[in-house]
Amino acid sequence: AQLDPSGQRTMMHLIEELHRDPDL
């Protein structure tokens, strides 16, 4: 919500990486 465009992409890439963890 409060991130600049680059920060939004970084955040979403990180969340996508976390999504790949089958235990999370």
PDBML (XML) file of the C-alpha atoms, coordinates in Angstrom:
<?xml version="1.0" encoding="UTF-8" ?>
<PDBx:datablock datablockName="MODEL"
   xmlns:PDBx="http://pdbml.pdb.org/schema/pdbx-v50.xsd"
   xmlns:xsi="http://www.w3.org/2001/XMLSchema-instance"
   xsi:schemaLocation="http://pdbml.pdb.org/schema/pdbx-v50.xsd pdbx-v50.xsd">
   <PDBx:atom_siteCategory>
      <PDBx:atom_site id="1">
         <PDBx:B_iso_or_equiv>0.00</PDBx:B_iso_or_equiv>
         <PDBx:Cartn_x>0.000</PDBx:Cartn_x>
         <PDBx:Cartn_y>0.000</PDBx:Cartn_y>
         <PDBx:Cartn_z>0.000</PDBx:Cartn_z>
         <PDBx:auth_asym_id>A</PDBx:auth_asym_id>
         <PDBx:auth_atom_id>CA</PDBx:auth_atom_id>
         <PDBx:auth_comp_id>ALA</PDBx:auth_comp_id>
         <PDBx:auth_seq_id>1</PDBx:auth_seq_id>
         <PDBx:group_PDB>ATOM</PDBx:group_PDB>
         <PDBx:label_alt_id xsi:nil="true" />
         <PDBx:label_asym_id>A</PDBx:label_asym_id>
         <PDBx:label_atom_id>CA</PDBx:label_atom_id>
         <PDBx:label_comp_id>ALA</PDBx:label_comp_id>
         <PDBx:label_entity_id>1</PDBx:label_entity_id>
         <PDBx:label_seq_id>1</PDBx:label_seq_id>
         <PDBx:occupancy>1.00</PDBx:occupancy>
         <PDBx:pdbx_PDB_model_num>1</PDBx:pdbx_PDB_model_num>
         <PDBx:type_symbol>C</PDBx:type_symbol>
      </PDBx:atom_site>
      <PDBx:atom_site id="2">
         <PDBx:B_iso_or_equiv>0.00</PDBx:B_iso_or_equiv>
         <PDBx:Cartn_x>2.740</PDBx:Cartn_x>
         <PDBx:Cartn_y>2.521</PDBx:Cartn_y>
         <PDBx:Cartn_z>0.838</PDBx:Cartn_z>
         <PDBx:auth_asym_id>A</PDBx:auth_asym_id>
         <PDBx:auth_atom_id>CA</PDBx:auth_atom_id>
         <PDBx:auth_comp_id>GLN</PDBx:auth_comp_id>
         <PDBx:auth_seq_id>2</PDBx:auth_seq_id>
         <PDBx:group_PDB>ATOM</PDBx:group_PDB>
         <PDBx:label_alt_id xsi:nil="true" />
         <PDBx:label_asym_id>A</PDBx:label_asym_id>
         <PDBx:label_atom_id>CA</PDBx:label_atom_id>
         <PDBx:label_comp_id>GLN</PDBx:label_comp_id>
         <PDBx:label_entity_id>1</PDBx:label_entity_id>
         <PDBx:label_seq_id>2</PDBx:label_seq_id>
         <PDBx:occupancy>1.00</PDBx:occupancy>
         <PDBx:pdbx_PDB_model_num>1</PDBx:pdbx_PDB_model_num>
         <PDBx:type_symbol>C</PDBx:type_symbol>
      </PDBx:atom_site>
      <PDBx:atom_site id="3">
         <PDBx:B_iso_or_equiv>0.00</PDBx:B_iso_or_equiv>
         <PDBx:Cartn_x>5.492</PDBx:Cartn_x>
         <PDBx:Cartn_y>1.292</PDBx:Cartn_y>
         <PDBx:Cartn_z>-1.476</PDBx:Cartn_z>
         <PDBx:auth_asym_id>A</PDBx:auth_asym_id>
         <PDBx:auth_atom_id>CA</PDBx:auth_atom_id>
         <PDBx:auth_comp_id>LEU</PDBx:auth_comp_id>
         <PDBx:auth_seq_id>3</PDBx:auth_seq_id>
         <PDBx:group_PDB>ATOM</PDBx:group_PDB>
         <PDBx:label_alt_id xsi:nil="true" />
         <PDBx:label_asym_id>A</PDBx:label_asym_id>
         <PDBx:label_atom_id>CA</PDBx:label_atom_id>
         <PDBx:label_comp_id>LEU</PDBx:label_comp_id>
         <PDBx:label_entity_id>1</PDBx:label_entity_id>
         <PDBx:label_seq_id>3</PDBx:label_seq_id>
         <PDBx:occupancy>1.00</PDBx:occupancy>
         <PDBx:pdbx_PDB_model_num>1</PDBx:pdbx_PDB_model_num>
         <PDBx:type_symbol>C</PDBx:type_symbol>
      </PDBx:atom_site>
      <PDBx:atom_site id="4">
         <PDBx:B_iso_or_equiv>0.00</PDBx:B_iso_or_equiv>
         <PDBx:Cartn_x>6.921</PDBx:Cartn_x>
         <PDBx:Cartn_y>2.985</PDBx:Cartn_y>
         <PDBx:Cartn_z>-4.559</PDBx:Cartn_z>
         <PDBx:auth_asym_id>A</PDBx:auth_asym_id>
         <PDBx:auth_atom_id>CA</PDBx:auth_atom_id>
         <PDBx:auth_comp_id>ASP</PDBx:auth_comp_id>
         <PDBx:auth_seq_id>4</PDBx:auth_seq_id>
         <PDBx:group_PDB>ATOM</PDBx:group_PDB>
         <PDBx:label_alt_id xsi:nil="true" />
         <PDBx:label_asym_id>A</PDBx:label_asym_id>
         <PDBx:label_atom_id>CA</PDBx:label_atom_id>
         <PDBx:label_comp_id>ASP</PDBx:label_comp_id>
         <PDBx:label_entity_id>1</PDBx:label_entity_id>
         <PDBx:label_seq_id>4</PDBx:label_seq_id>
         <PDBx:occupancy>1.00</PDBx:occupancy>
         <PDBx:pdbx_PDB_model_num>1</PDBx:pdbx_PDB_model_num>
         <PDBx:type_symbol>C</PDBx:type_symbol>
      </PDBx:atom_site>
      <PDBx:atom_site id="5">
         <PDBx:B_iso_or_equiv>0.00</PDBx:B_iso_or_equiv>
         <PDBx:Cartn_x>6.542</PDBx:Cartn_x>
         <PDBx:Cartn_y>1.094</PDBx:Cartn_y>
         <PDBx:Cartn_z>-7.883</PDBx:Cartn_z>
         <PDBx:auth_asym_id>A</PDBx:auth_asym_id>
         <PDBx:auth_atom_id>CA</PDBx:auth_atom_id>
         <PDBx:auth_comp_id>PRO</PDBx:auth_comp_id>
         <PDBx:auth_seq_id>5</PDBx:auth_seq_id>
         <PDBx:group_PDB>ATOM</PDBx:group_PDB>
         <PDBx:label_alt_id xsi:nil="true" />
         <PDBx:label_asym_id>A</PDBx:label_asym_id>
         <PDBx:label_atom_id>CA</PDBx:label_atom_id>
         <PDBx:label_comp_id>PRO</PDBx:label_comp_id>
         <PDBx:label_entity_id>1</PDBx:label_entity_id>
         <PDBx:label_seq_id>5</PDBx:label_seq_id>
         <PDBx:occupancy>1.00</PDBx:occupancy>
         <PDBx:pdbx_PDB_model_num>1</PDBx:pdbx_PDB_model_num>
         <PDBx:type_symbol>C</PDBx:type_symbol>
      </PDBx:atom_site>
      <PDBx:atom_site id="6">
         <PDBx:B_iso_or_equiv>0.00</PDBx:B_iso_or_equiv>
         <PDBx:Cartn_x>9.913</PDBx:Cartn_x>
         <PDBx:Cartn_y>-0.632</PDBx:Cartn_y>
         <PDBx:Cartn_z>-7.509</PDBx:Cartn_z>
         <PDBx:auth_asym_id>A</PDBx:auth_asym_id>
         <PDBx:auth_atom_id>CA</PDBx:auth_atom_id>
         <PDBx:auth_comp_id>SER</PDBx:auth_comp_id>
         <PDBx:auth_seq_id>6</PDBx:auth_seq_id>
         <PDBx:group_PDB>ATOM</PDBx:group_PDB>
         <PDBx:label_alt_id xsi:nil="true" />
         <PDBx:label_asym_id>A</PDBx:label_asym_id>
         <PDBx:label_atom_id>CA</PDBx:label_atom_id>
         <PDBx:label_comp_id>SER</PDBx:label_comp_id>
         <PDBx:label_entity_id>1</PDBx:label_entity_id>
         <PDBx:label_seq_id>6</PDBx:label_seq_id>
         <PDBx:occupancy>1.00</PDBx:occupancy>
         <PDBx:pdbx_PDB_model_num>1</PDBx:pdbx_PDB_model_num>
         <PDBx:type_symbol>C</PDBx:type_symbol>
      </PDBx:atom_site>
      <PDBx:atom_site id="7">
         <PDBx:B_iso_or_equiv>0.00</PDBx:B_iso_or_equiv>
         <PDBx:Cartn_x>9.129</PDBx:Cartn_x>
         <PDBx:Cartn_y>-1.528</PDBx:Cartn_y>
         <PDBx:Cartn_z>-3.918</PDBx:Cartn_z>
         <PDBx:auth_asym_id>A</PDBx:auth_asym_id>
         <PDBx:auth_atom_id>CA</PDBx:auth_atom_id>
         <PDBx:auth_comp_id>GLY</PDBx:auth_comp_id>
         <PDBx:auth_seq_id>7</PDBx:auth_seq_id>
         <PDBx:group_PDB>ATOM</PDBx:group_PDB>
         <PDBx:label_alt_id xsi:nil="true" />
         <PDBx:label_asym_id>A</PDBx:label_asym_id>
         <PDBx:label_atom_id>CA</PDBx:label_atom_id>
         <PDBx:label_comp_id>GLY</PDBx:label_comp_id>
         <PDBx:label_entity_id>1</PDBx:label_entity_id>
         <PDBx:label_seq_id>7</PDBx:label_seq_id>
         <PDBx:occupancy>1.00</PDBx:occupancy>
         <PDBx:pdbx_PDB_model_num>1</PDBx:pdbx_PDB_model_num>
         <PDBx:type_symbol>C</PDBx:type_symbol>
      </PDBx:atom_site>
      <PDBx:atom_site id="8">
         <PDBx:B_iso_or_equiv>0.00</PDBx:B_iso_or_equiv>
         <PDBx:Cartn_x>5.808</PDBx:Cartn_x>
         <PDBx:Cartn_y>-3.002</PDBx:Cartn_y>
         <PDBx:Cartn_z>-4.978</PDBx:Cartn_z>
         <PDBx:auth_asym_id>A</PDBx:auth_asym_id>
         <PDBx:auth_atom_id>CA</PDBx:auth_atom_id>
         <PDBx:auth_comp_id>GLN</PDBx:auth_comp_id>
         <PDBx:auth_seq_id>8</PDBx:auth_seq_id>
         <PDBx:group_PDB>ATOM</PDBx:group_PDB>
         <PDBx:label_alt_id xsi:nil="true" />
         <PDBx:label_asym_id>A</PDBx:label_asym_id>
         <PDBx:label_atom_id>CA</PDBx:label_atom_id>
         <PDBx:label_comp_id>GLN</PDBx:label_comp_id>
         <PDBx:label_entity_id>1</PDBx:label_entity_id>
         <PDBx:label_seq_id>8</PDBx:label_seq_id>
         <PDBx:occupancy>1.00</PDBx:occupancy>
         <PDBx:pdbx_PDB_model_num>1</PDBx:pdbx_PDB_model_num>
         <PDBx:type_symbol>C</PDBx:type_symbol>
      </PDBx:atom_site>
      <PDBx:atom_site id="9">
         <PDBx:B_iso_or_equiv>0.00</PDBx:B_iso_or_equiv>
         <PDBx:Cartn_x>7.558</PDBx:Cartn_x>
         <PDBx:Cartn_y>-5.284</PDBx:Cartn_y>
         <PDBx:Cartn_z>-7.461</PDBx:Cartn_z>
         <PDBx:auth_asym_id>A</PDBx:auth_asym_id>
         <PDBx:auth_atom_id>CA</PDBx:auth_atom_id>
         <PDBx:auth_comp_id>ARG</PDBx:auth_comp_id>
         <PDBx:auth_seq_id>9</PDBx:auth_seq_id>
         <PDBx:group_PDB>ATOM</PDBx:group_PDB>
         <PDBx:label_alt_id xsi:nil="true" />
         <PDBx:label_asym_id>A</PDBx:label_asym_id>
         <PDBx:label_atom_id>CA</PDBx:label_atom_id>
         <PDBx:label_comp_id>ARG</PDBx:label_comp_id>
         <PDBx:label_entity_id>1</PDBx:label_entity_id>
         <PDBx:label_seq_id>9</PDBx:label_seq_id>
         <PDBx:occupancy>1.00</PDBx:occupancy>
         <PDBx:pdbx_PDB_model_num>1</PDBx:pdbx_PDB_model_num>
         <PDBx:type_symbol>C</PDBx:type_symbol>
      </PDBx:atom_site>
      <PDBx:atom_site id="10">
         <PDBx:B_iso_or_equiv>0.00</PDBx:B_iso_or_equiv>
         <PDBx:Cartn_x>10.201</PDBx:Cartn_x>
         <PDBx:Cartn_y>-6.275</PDBx:Cartn_y>
         <PDBx:Cartn_z>-4.922</PDBx:Cartn_z>
         <PDBx:auth_asym_id>A</PDBx:auth_asym_id>
         <PDBx:auth_atom_id>CA</PDBx:auth_atom_id>
         <PDBx:auth_comp_id>THR</PDBx:auth_comp_id>
         <PDBx:auth_seq_id>10</PDBx:auth_seq_id>
         <PDBx:group_PDB>ATOM</PDBx:group_PDB>
         <PDBx:label_alt_id xsi:nil="true" />
         <PDBx:label_asym_id>A</PDBx:label_asym_id>
         <PDBx:label_atom_id>CA</PDBx:label_atom_id>
         <PDBx:label_comp_id>THR</PDBx:label_comp_id>
         <PDBx:label_entity_id>1</PDBx:label_entity_id>
         <PDBx:label_seq_id>10</PDBx:label_seq_id>
         <PDBx:occupancy>1.00</PDBx:occupancy>
         <PDBx:pdbx_PDB_model_num>1</PDBx:pdbx_PDB_model_num>
         <PDBx:type_symbol>C</PDBx:type_symbol>
      </PDBx:atom_site>
      <PDBx:atom_site id="11">
         <PDBx:B_iso_or_equiv>0.00</PDBx:B_iso_or_equiv>
         <PDBx:Cartn_x>7.507</PDBx:Cartn_x>
         <PDBx:Cartn_y>-7.045</PDBx:Cartn_y>
         <PDBx:Cartn_z>-2.352</PDBx:Cartn_z>
         <PDBx:auth_asym_id>A</PDBx:auth_asym_id>
         <PDBx:auth_atom_id>CA</PDBx:auth_atom_id>
         <PDBx:auth_comp_id>MET</PDBx:auth_comp_id>
         <PDBx:auth_seq_id>11</PDBx:auth_seq_id>
         <PDBx:group_PDB>ATOM</PDBx:group_PDB>
         <PDBx:label_alt_id xsi:nil="true" />
         <PDBx:label_asym_id>A</PDBx:label_asym_id>
         <PDBx:label_atom_id>CA</PDBx:label_atom_id>
         <PDBx:label_comp_id>MET</PDBx:label_comp_id>
         <PDBx:label_entity_id>1</PDBx:label_entity_id>
         <PDBx:label_seq_id>11</PDBx:label_seq_id>
         <PDBx:occupancy>1.00</PDBx:occupancy>
         <PDBx:pdbx_PDB_model_num>1</PDBx:pdbx_PDB_model_num>
         <PDBx:type_symbol>C</PDBx:type_symbol>
      </PDBx:atom_site>
      <PDBx:atom_site id="12">
         <PDBx:B_iso_or_equiv>0.00</PDBx:B_iso_or_equiv>
         <PDBx:Cartn_x>5.467</PDBx:Cartn_x>
         <PDBx:Cartn_y>-9.133</PDBx:Cartn_y>
         <PDBx:Cartn_z>-4.774</PDBx:Cartn_z>
         <PDBx:auth_asym_id>A</PDBx:auth_asym_id>
         <PDBx:auth_atom_id>CA</PDBx:auth_atom_id>
         <PDBx:auth_comp_id>MET</PDBx:auth_comp_id>
         <PDBx:auth_seq_id>12</PDBx:auth_seq_id>
         <PDBx:group_PDB>ATOM</PDBx:group_PDB>
         <PDBx:label_alt_id xsi:nil="true" />
         <PDBx:label_asym_id>A</PDBx:label_asym_id>
         <PDBx:label_atom_id>CA</PDBx:label_atom_id>
         <PDBx:label_comp_id>MET</PDBx:label_comp_id>
         <PDBx:label_entity_id>1</PDBx:label_entity_id>
         <PDBx:label_seq_id>12</PDBx:label_seq_id>
         <PDBx:occupancy>1.00</PDBx:occupancy>
         <PDBx:pdbx_PDB_model_num>1</PDBx:pdbx_PDB_model_num>
         <PDBx:type_symbol>C</PDBx:type_symbol>
      </PDBx:atom_site>
      <PDBx:atom_site id="13">
         <PDBx:B_iso_or_equiv>0.00</PDBx:B_iso_or_equiv>
         <PDBx:Cartn_x>8.527</PDBx:Cartn_x>
         <PDBx:Cartn_y>-11.057</PDBx:Cartn_y>
         <PDBx:Cartn_z>-5.958</PDBx:Cartn_z>
         <PDBx:auth_asym_id>A</PDBx:auth_asym_id>
         <PDBx:auth_atom_id>CA</PDBx:auth_atom_id>
         <PDBx:auth_comp_id>HIS</PDBx:auth_comp_id>
         <PDBx:auth_seq_id>13</PDBx:auth_seq_id>
         <PDBx:group_PDB>ATOM</PDBx:group_PDB>
         <PDBx:label_alt_id xsi:nil="true" />
         <PDBx:label_asym_id>A</PDBx:label_asym_id>
         <PDBx:label_atom_id>CA</PDBx:label_atom_id>
         <PDBx:label_comp_id>HIS</PDBx:label_comp_id>
         <PDBx:label_entity_id>1</PDBx:label_entity_id>
         <PDBx:label_seq_id>13</PDBx:label_seq_id>
         <PDBx:occupancy>1.00</PDBx:occupancy>
         <PDBx:pdbx_PDB_model_num>1</PDBx:pdbx_PDB_model_num>
         <PDBx:type_symbol>C</PDBx:type_symbol>
      </PDBx:atom_site>
      <PDBx:atom_site id="14">
         <PDBx:B_iso_or_equiv>0.00</PDBx:B_iso_or_equiv>
         <PDBx:Cartn_x>9.340</PDBx:Cartn_x>
         <PDBx:Cartn_y>-11.809</PDBx:Cartn_y>
         <PDBx:Cartn_z>-2.321</PDBx:Cartn_z>
         <PDBx:auth_asym_id>A</PDBx:auth_asym_id>
         <PDBx:auth_atom_id>CA</PDBx:auth_atom_id>
         <PDBx:auth_comp_id>LEU</PDBx:auth_comp_id>
         <PDBx:auth_seq_id>14</PDBx:auth_seq_id>
         <PDBx:group_PDB>ATOM</PDBx:group_PDB>
         <PDBx:label_alt_id xsi:nil="true" />
         <PDBx:label_asym_id>A</PDBx:label_asym_id>
         <PDBx:label_atom_id>CA</PDBx:label_atom_id>
         <PDBx:label_comp_id>LEU</PDBx:label_comp_id>
         <PDBx:label_entity_id>1</PDBx:label_entity_id>
         <PDBx:label_seq_id>14</PDBx:label_seq_id>
         <PDBx:occupancy>1.00</PDBx:occupancy>
         <PDBx:pdbx_PDB_model_num>1</PDBx:pdbx_PDB_model_num>
         <PDBx:type_symbol>C</PDBx:type_symbol>
      </PDBx:atom_site>
      <PDBx:atom_site id="15">
         <PDBx:B_iso_or_equiv>0.00</PDBx:B_iso_or_equiv>
         <PDBx:Cartn_x>5.776</PDBx:Cartn_x>
         <PDBx:Cartn_y>-12.926</PDBx:Cartn_y>
         <PDBx:Cartn_z>-1.587</PDBx:Cartn_z>
         <PDBx:auth_asym_id>A</PDBx:auth_asym_id>
         <PDBx:auth_atom_id>CA</PDBx:auth_atom_id>
         <PDBx:auth_comp_id>ILE</PDBx:auth_comp_id>
         <PDBx:auth_seq_id>15</PDBx:auth_seq_id>
         <PDBx:group_PDB>ATOM</PDBx:group_PDB>
         <PDBx:label_alt_id xsi:nil="true" />
         <PDBx:label_asym_id>A</PDBx:label_asym_id>
         <PDBx:label_atom_id>CA</PDBx:label_atom_id>
         <PDBx:label_comp_id>ILE</PDBx:label_comp_id>
         <PDBx:label_entity_id>1</PDBx:label_entity_id>
         <PDBx:label_seq_id>15</PDBx:label_seq_id>
         <PDBx:occupancy>1.00</PDBx:occupancy>
         <PDBx:pdbx_PDB_model_num>1</PDBx:pdbx_PDB_model_num>
         <PDBx:type_symbol>C</PDBx:type_symbol>
      </PDBx:atom_site>
      <PDBx:atom_site id="16">
         <PDBx:B_iso_or_equiv>0.00</PDBx:B_iso_or_equiv>
         <PDBx:Cartn_x>5.851</PDBx:Cartn_x>
         <PDBx:Cartn_y>-15.133</PDBx:Cartn_y>
         <PDBx:Cartn_z>-4.683</PDBx:Cartn_z>
         <PDBx:auth_asym_id>A</PDBx:auth_asym_id>
         <PDBx:auth_atom_id>CA</PDBx:auth_atom_id>
         <PDBx:auth_comp_id>GLU</PDBx:auth_comp_id>
         <PDBx:auth_seq_id>16</PDBx:auth_seq_id>
         <PDBx:group_PDB>ATOM</PDBx:group_PDB>
         <PDBx:label_alt_id xsi:nil="true" />
         <PDBx:label_asym_id>A</PDBx:label_asym_id>
         <PDBx:label_atom_id>CA</PDBx:label_atom_id>
         <PDBx:label_comp_id>GLU</PDBx:label_comp_id>
         <PDBx:label_entity_id>1</PDBx:label_entity_id>
         <PDBx:label_seq_id>16</PDBx:label_seq_id>
         <PDBx:occupancy>1.00</PDBx:occupancy>
         <PDBx:pdbx_PDB_model_num>1</PDBx:pdbx_PDB_model_num>
         <PDBx:type_symbol>C</PDBx:type_symbol>
      </PDBx:atom_site>
      <PDBx:atom_site id="17">
         <PDBx:B_iso_or_equiv>0.00</PDBx:B_iso_or_equiv>
         <PDBx:Cartn_x>9.110</PDBx:Cartn_x>
         <PDBx:Cartn_y>-16.644</PDBx:Cartn_y>
         <PDBx:Cartn_z>-3.412</PDBx:Cartn_z>
         <PDBx:auth_asym_id>A</PDBx:auth_asym_id>
         <PDBx:auth_atom_id>CA</PDBx:auth_atom_id>
         <PDBx:auth_comp_id>GLU</PDBx:auth_comp_id>
         <PDBx:auth_seq_id>17</PDBx:auth_seq_id>
         <PDBx:group_PDB>ATOM</PDBx:group_PDB>
         <PDBx:label_alt_id xsi:nil="true" />
         <PDBx:label_asym_id>A</PDBx:label_asym_id>
         <PDBx:label_atom_id>CA</PDBx:label_atom_id>
         <PDBx:label_comp_id>GLU</PDBx:label_comp_id>
         <PDBx:label_entity_id>1</PDBx:label_entity_id>
         <PDBx:label_seq_id>17</PDBx:label_seq_id>
         <PDBx:occupancy>1.00</PDBx:occupancy>
         <PDBx:pdbx_PDB_model_num>1</PDBx:pdbx_PDB_model_num>
         <PDBx:type_symbol>C</PDBx:type_symbol>
      </PDBx:atom_site>
      <PDBx:atom_site id="18">
         <PDBx:B_iso_or_equiv>0.00</PDBx:B_iso_or_equiv>
         <PDBx:Cartn_x>7.476</PDBx:Cartn_x>
         <PDBx:Cartn_y>-17.294</PDBx:Cartn_y>
         <PDBx:Cartn_z>-0.031</PDBx:Cartn_z>
         <PDBx:auth_asym_id>A</PDBx:auth_asym_id>
         <PDBx:auth_atom_id>CA</PDBx:auth_atom_id>
         <PDBx:auth_comp_id>LEU</PDBx:auth_comp_id>
         <PDBx:auth_seq_id>18</PDBx:auth_seq_id>
         <PDBx:group_PDB>ATOM</PDBx:group_PDB>
         <PDBx:label_alt_id xsi:nil="true" />
         <PDBx:label_asym_id>A</PDBx:label_asym_id>
         <PDBx:label_atom_id>CA</PDBx:label_atom_id>
         <PDBx:label_comp_id>LEU</PDBx:label_comp_id>
         <PDBx:label_entity_id>1</PDBx:label_entity_id>
         <PDBx:label_seq_id>18</PDBx:label_seq_id>
         <PDBx:occupancy>1.00</PDBx:occupancy>
         <PDBx:pdbx_PDB_model_num>1</PDBx:pdbx_PDB_model_num>
         <PDBx:type_symbol>C</PDBx:type_symbol>
      </PDBx:atom_site>
      <PDBx:atom_site id="19">
         <PDBx:B_iso_or_equiv>0.00</PDBx:B_iso_or_equiv>
         <PDBx:Cartn_x>4.480</PDBx:Cartn_x>
         <PDBx:Cartn_y>-18.830</PDBx:Cartn_y>
         <PDBx:Cartn_z>-1.826</PDBx:Cartn_z>
         <PDBx:auth_asym_id>A</PDBx:auth_asym_id>
         <PDBx:auth_atom_id>CA</PDBx:auth_atom_id>
         <PDBx:auth_comp_id>HIS</PDBx:auth_comp_id>
         <PDBx:auth_seq_id>19</PDBx:auth_seq_id>
         <PDBx:group_PDB>ATOM</PDBx:group_PDB>
         <PDBx:label_alt_id xsi:nil="true" />
         <PDBx:label_asym_id>A</PDBx:label_asym_id>
         <PDBx:label_atom_id>CA</PDBx:label_atom_id>
         <PDBx:label_comp_id>HIS</PDBx:label_comp_id>
         <PDBx:label_entity_id>1</PDBx:label_entity_id>
         <PDBx:label_seq_id>19</PDBx:label_seq_id>
         <PDBx:occupancy>1.00</PDBx:occupancy>
         <PDBx:pdbx_PDB_model_num>1</PDBx:pdbx_PDB_model_num>
         <PDBx:type_symbol>C</PDBx:type_symbol>
      </PDBx:atom_site>
      <PDBx:atom_site id="20">
         <PDBx:B_iso_or_equiv>0.00</PDBx:B_iso_or_equiv>
         <PDBx:Cartn_x>6.772</PDBx:Cartn_x>
         <PDBx:Cartn_y>-21.548</PDBx:Cartn_y>
         <PDBx:Cartn_z>-3.193</PDBx:Cartn_z>
         <PDBx:auth_asym_id>A</PDBx:auth_asym_id>
         <PDBx:auth_atom_id>CA</PDBx:auth_atom_id>
         <PDBx:auth_comp_id>ARG</PDBx:auth_comp_id>
         <PDBx:auth_seq_id>20</PDBx:auth_seq_id>
         <PDBx:group_PDB>ATOM</PDBx:group_PDB>
         <PDBx:label_alt_id xsi:nil="true" />
         <PDBx:label_asym_id>A</PDBx:label_asym_id>
         <PDBx:label_atom_id>CA</PDBx:label_atom_id>
         <PDBx:label_comp_id>ARG</PDBx:label_comp_id>
         <PDBx:label_entity_id>1</PDBx:label_entity_id>
         <PDBx:label_seq_id>20</PDBx:label_seq_id>
         <PDBx:occupancy>1.00</PDBx:occupancy>
         <PDBx:pdbx_PDB_model_num>1</PDBx:pdbx_PDB_model_num>
         <PDBx:type_symbol>C</PDBx:type_symbol>
      </PDBx:atom_site>
      <PDBx:atom_site id="21">
         <PDBx:B_iso_or_equiv>0.00</PDBx:B_iso_or_equiv>
         <PDBx:Cartn_x>7.516</PDBx:Cartn_x>
         <PDBx:Cartn_y>-22.790</PDBx:Cartn_y>
         <PDBx:Cartn_z>0.339</PDBx:Cartn_z>
         <PDBx:auth_asym_id>A</PDBx:auth_asym_id>
         <PDBx:auth_atom_id>CA</PDBx:auth_atom_id>
         <PDBx:auth_comp_id>ASP</PDBx:auth_comp_id>
         <PDBx:auth_seq_id>21</PDBx:auth_seq_id>
         <PDBx:group_PDB>ATOM</PDBx:group_PDB>
         <PDBx:label_alt_id xsi:nil="true" />
         <PDBx:label_asym_id>A</PDBx:label_asym_id>
         <PDBx:label_atom_id>CA</PDBx:label_atom_id>
         <PDBx:label_comp_id>ASP</PDBx:label_comp_id>
         <PDBx:label_entity_id>1</PDBx:label_entity_id>
         <PDBx:label_seq_id>21</PDBx:label_seq_id>
         <PDBx:occupancy>1.00</PDBx:occupancy>
         <PDBx:pdbx_PDB_model_num>1</PDBx:pdbx_PDB_model_num>
         <PDBx:type_symbol>C</PDBx:type_symbol>
      </PDBx:atom_site>
      <PDBx:atom_site id="22">
         <PDBx:B_iso_or_equiv>0.00</PDBx:B_iso_or_equiv>
         <PDBx:Cartn_x>5.141</PDBx:Cartn_x>
         <PDBx:Cartn_y>-25.769</PDBx:Cartn_y>
         <PDBx:Cartn_z>0.737</PDBx:Cartn_z>
         <PDBx:auth_asym_id>A</PDBx:auth_asym_id>
         <PDBx:auth_atom_id>CA</PDBx:auth_atom_id>
         <PDBx:auth_comp_id>PRO</PDBx:auth_comp_id>
         <PDBx:auth_seq_id>22</PDBx:auth_seq_id>
         <PDBx:group_PDB>ATOM</PDBx:group_PDB>
         <PDBx:label_alt_id xsi:nil="true" />
         <PDBx:label_asym_id>A</PDBx:label_asym_id>
         <PDBx:label_atom_id>CA</PDBx:label_atom_id>
         <PDBx:label_comp_id>PRO</PDBx:label_comp_id>
         <PDBx:label_entity_id>1</PDBx:label_entity_id>
         <PDBx:label_seq_id>22</PDBx:label_seq_id>
         <PDBx:occupancy>1.00</PDBx:occupancy>
         <PDBx:pdbx_PDB_model_num>1</PDBx:pdbx_PDB_model_num>
         <PDBx:type_symbol>C</PDBx:type_symbol>
      </PDBx:atom_site>
      <PDBx:atom_site id="23">
         <PDBx:B_iso_or_equiv>0.00</PDBx:B_iso_or_equiv>
         <PDBx:Cartn_x>5.230</PDBx:Cartn_x>
         <PDBx:Cartn_y>-25.471</PDBx:Cartn_y>
         <PDBx:Cartn_z>4.529</PDBx:Cartn_z>
         <PDBx:auth_asym_id>A</PDBx:auth_asym_id>
         <PDBx:auth_atom_id>CA</PDBx:auth_atom_id>
         <PDBx:auth_comp_id>ASP</PDBx:auth_comp_id>
         <PDBx:auth_seq_id>23</PDBx:auth_seq_id>
         <PDBx:group_PDB>ATOM</PDBx:group_PDB>
         <PDBx:label_alt_id xsi:nil="true" />
         <PDBx:label_asym_id>A</PDBx:label_asym_id>
         <PDBx:label_atom_id>CA</PDBx:label_atom_id>
         <PDBx:label_comp_id>ASP</PDBx:label_comp_id>
         <PDBx:label_entity_id>1</PDBx:label_entity_id>
         <PDBx:label_seq_id>23</PDBx:label_seq_id>
         <PDBx:occupancy>1.00</PDBx:occupancy>
         <PDBx:pdbx_PDB_model_num>1</PDBx:pdbx_PDB_model_num>
         <PDBx:type_symbol>C</PDBx:type_symbol>
      </PDBx:atom_site>
      <PDBx:atom_site id="24">
         <PDBx:B_iso_or_equiv>0.00</PDBx:B_iso_or_equiv>
         <PDBx:Cartn_x>4.275</PDBx:Cartn_x>
         <PDBx:Cartn_y>-21.771</PDBx:Cartn_y>
         <PDBx:Cartn_z>4.679</PDBx:Cartn_z>
         <PDBx:auth_asym_id>A</PDBx:auth_asym_id>
         <PDBx:auth_atom_id>CA</PDBx:auth_atom_id>
         <PDBx:auth_comp_id>LEU</PDBx:auth_comp_id>
         <PDBx:auth_seq_id>24</PDBx:auth_seq_id>
         <PDBx:group_PDB>ATOM</PDBx:group_PDB>
         <PDBx:label_alt_id xsi:nil="true" />
         <PDBx:label_asym_id>A</PDBx:label_asym_id>
         <PDBx:label_atom_id>CA</PDBx:label_atom_id>
         <PDBx:label_comp_id>LEU</PDBx:label_comp_id>
         <PDBx:label_entity_id>1</PDBx:label_entity_id>
         <PDBx:label_seq_id>24</PDBx:label_seq_id>
         <PDBx:occupancy>1.00</PDBx:occupancy>
         <PDBx:pdbx_PDB_model_num>1</PDBx:pdbx_PDB_model_num>
         <PDBx:type_symbol>C</PDBx:type_symbol>
      </PDBx:atom_site>
   </PDBx:atom_siteCategory>
</PDBx:datablock>
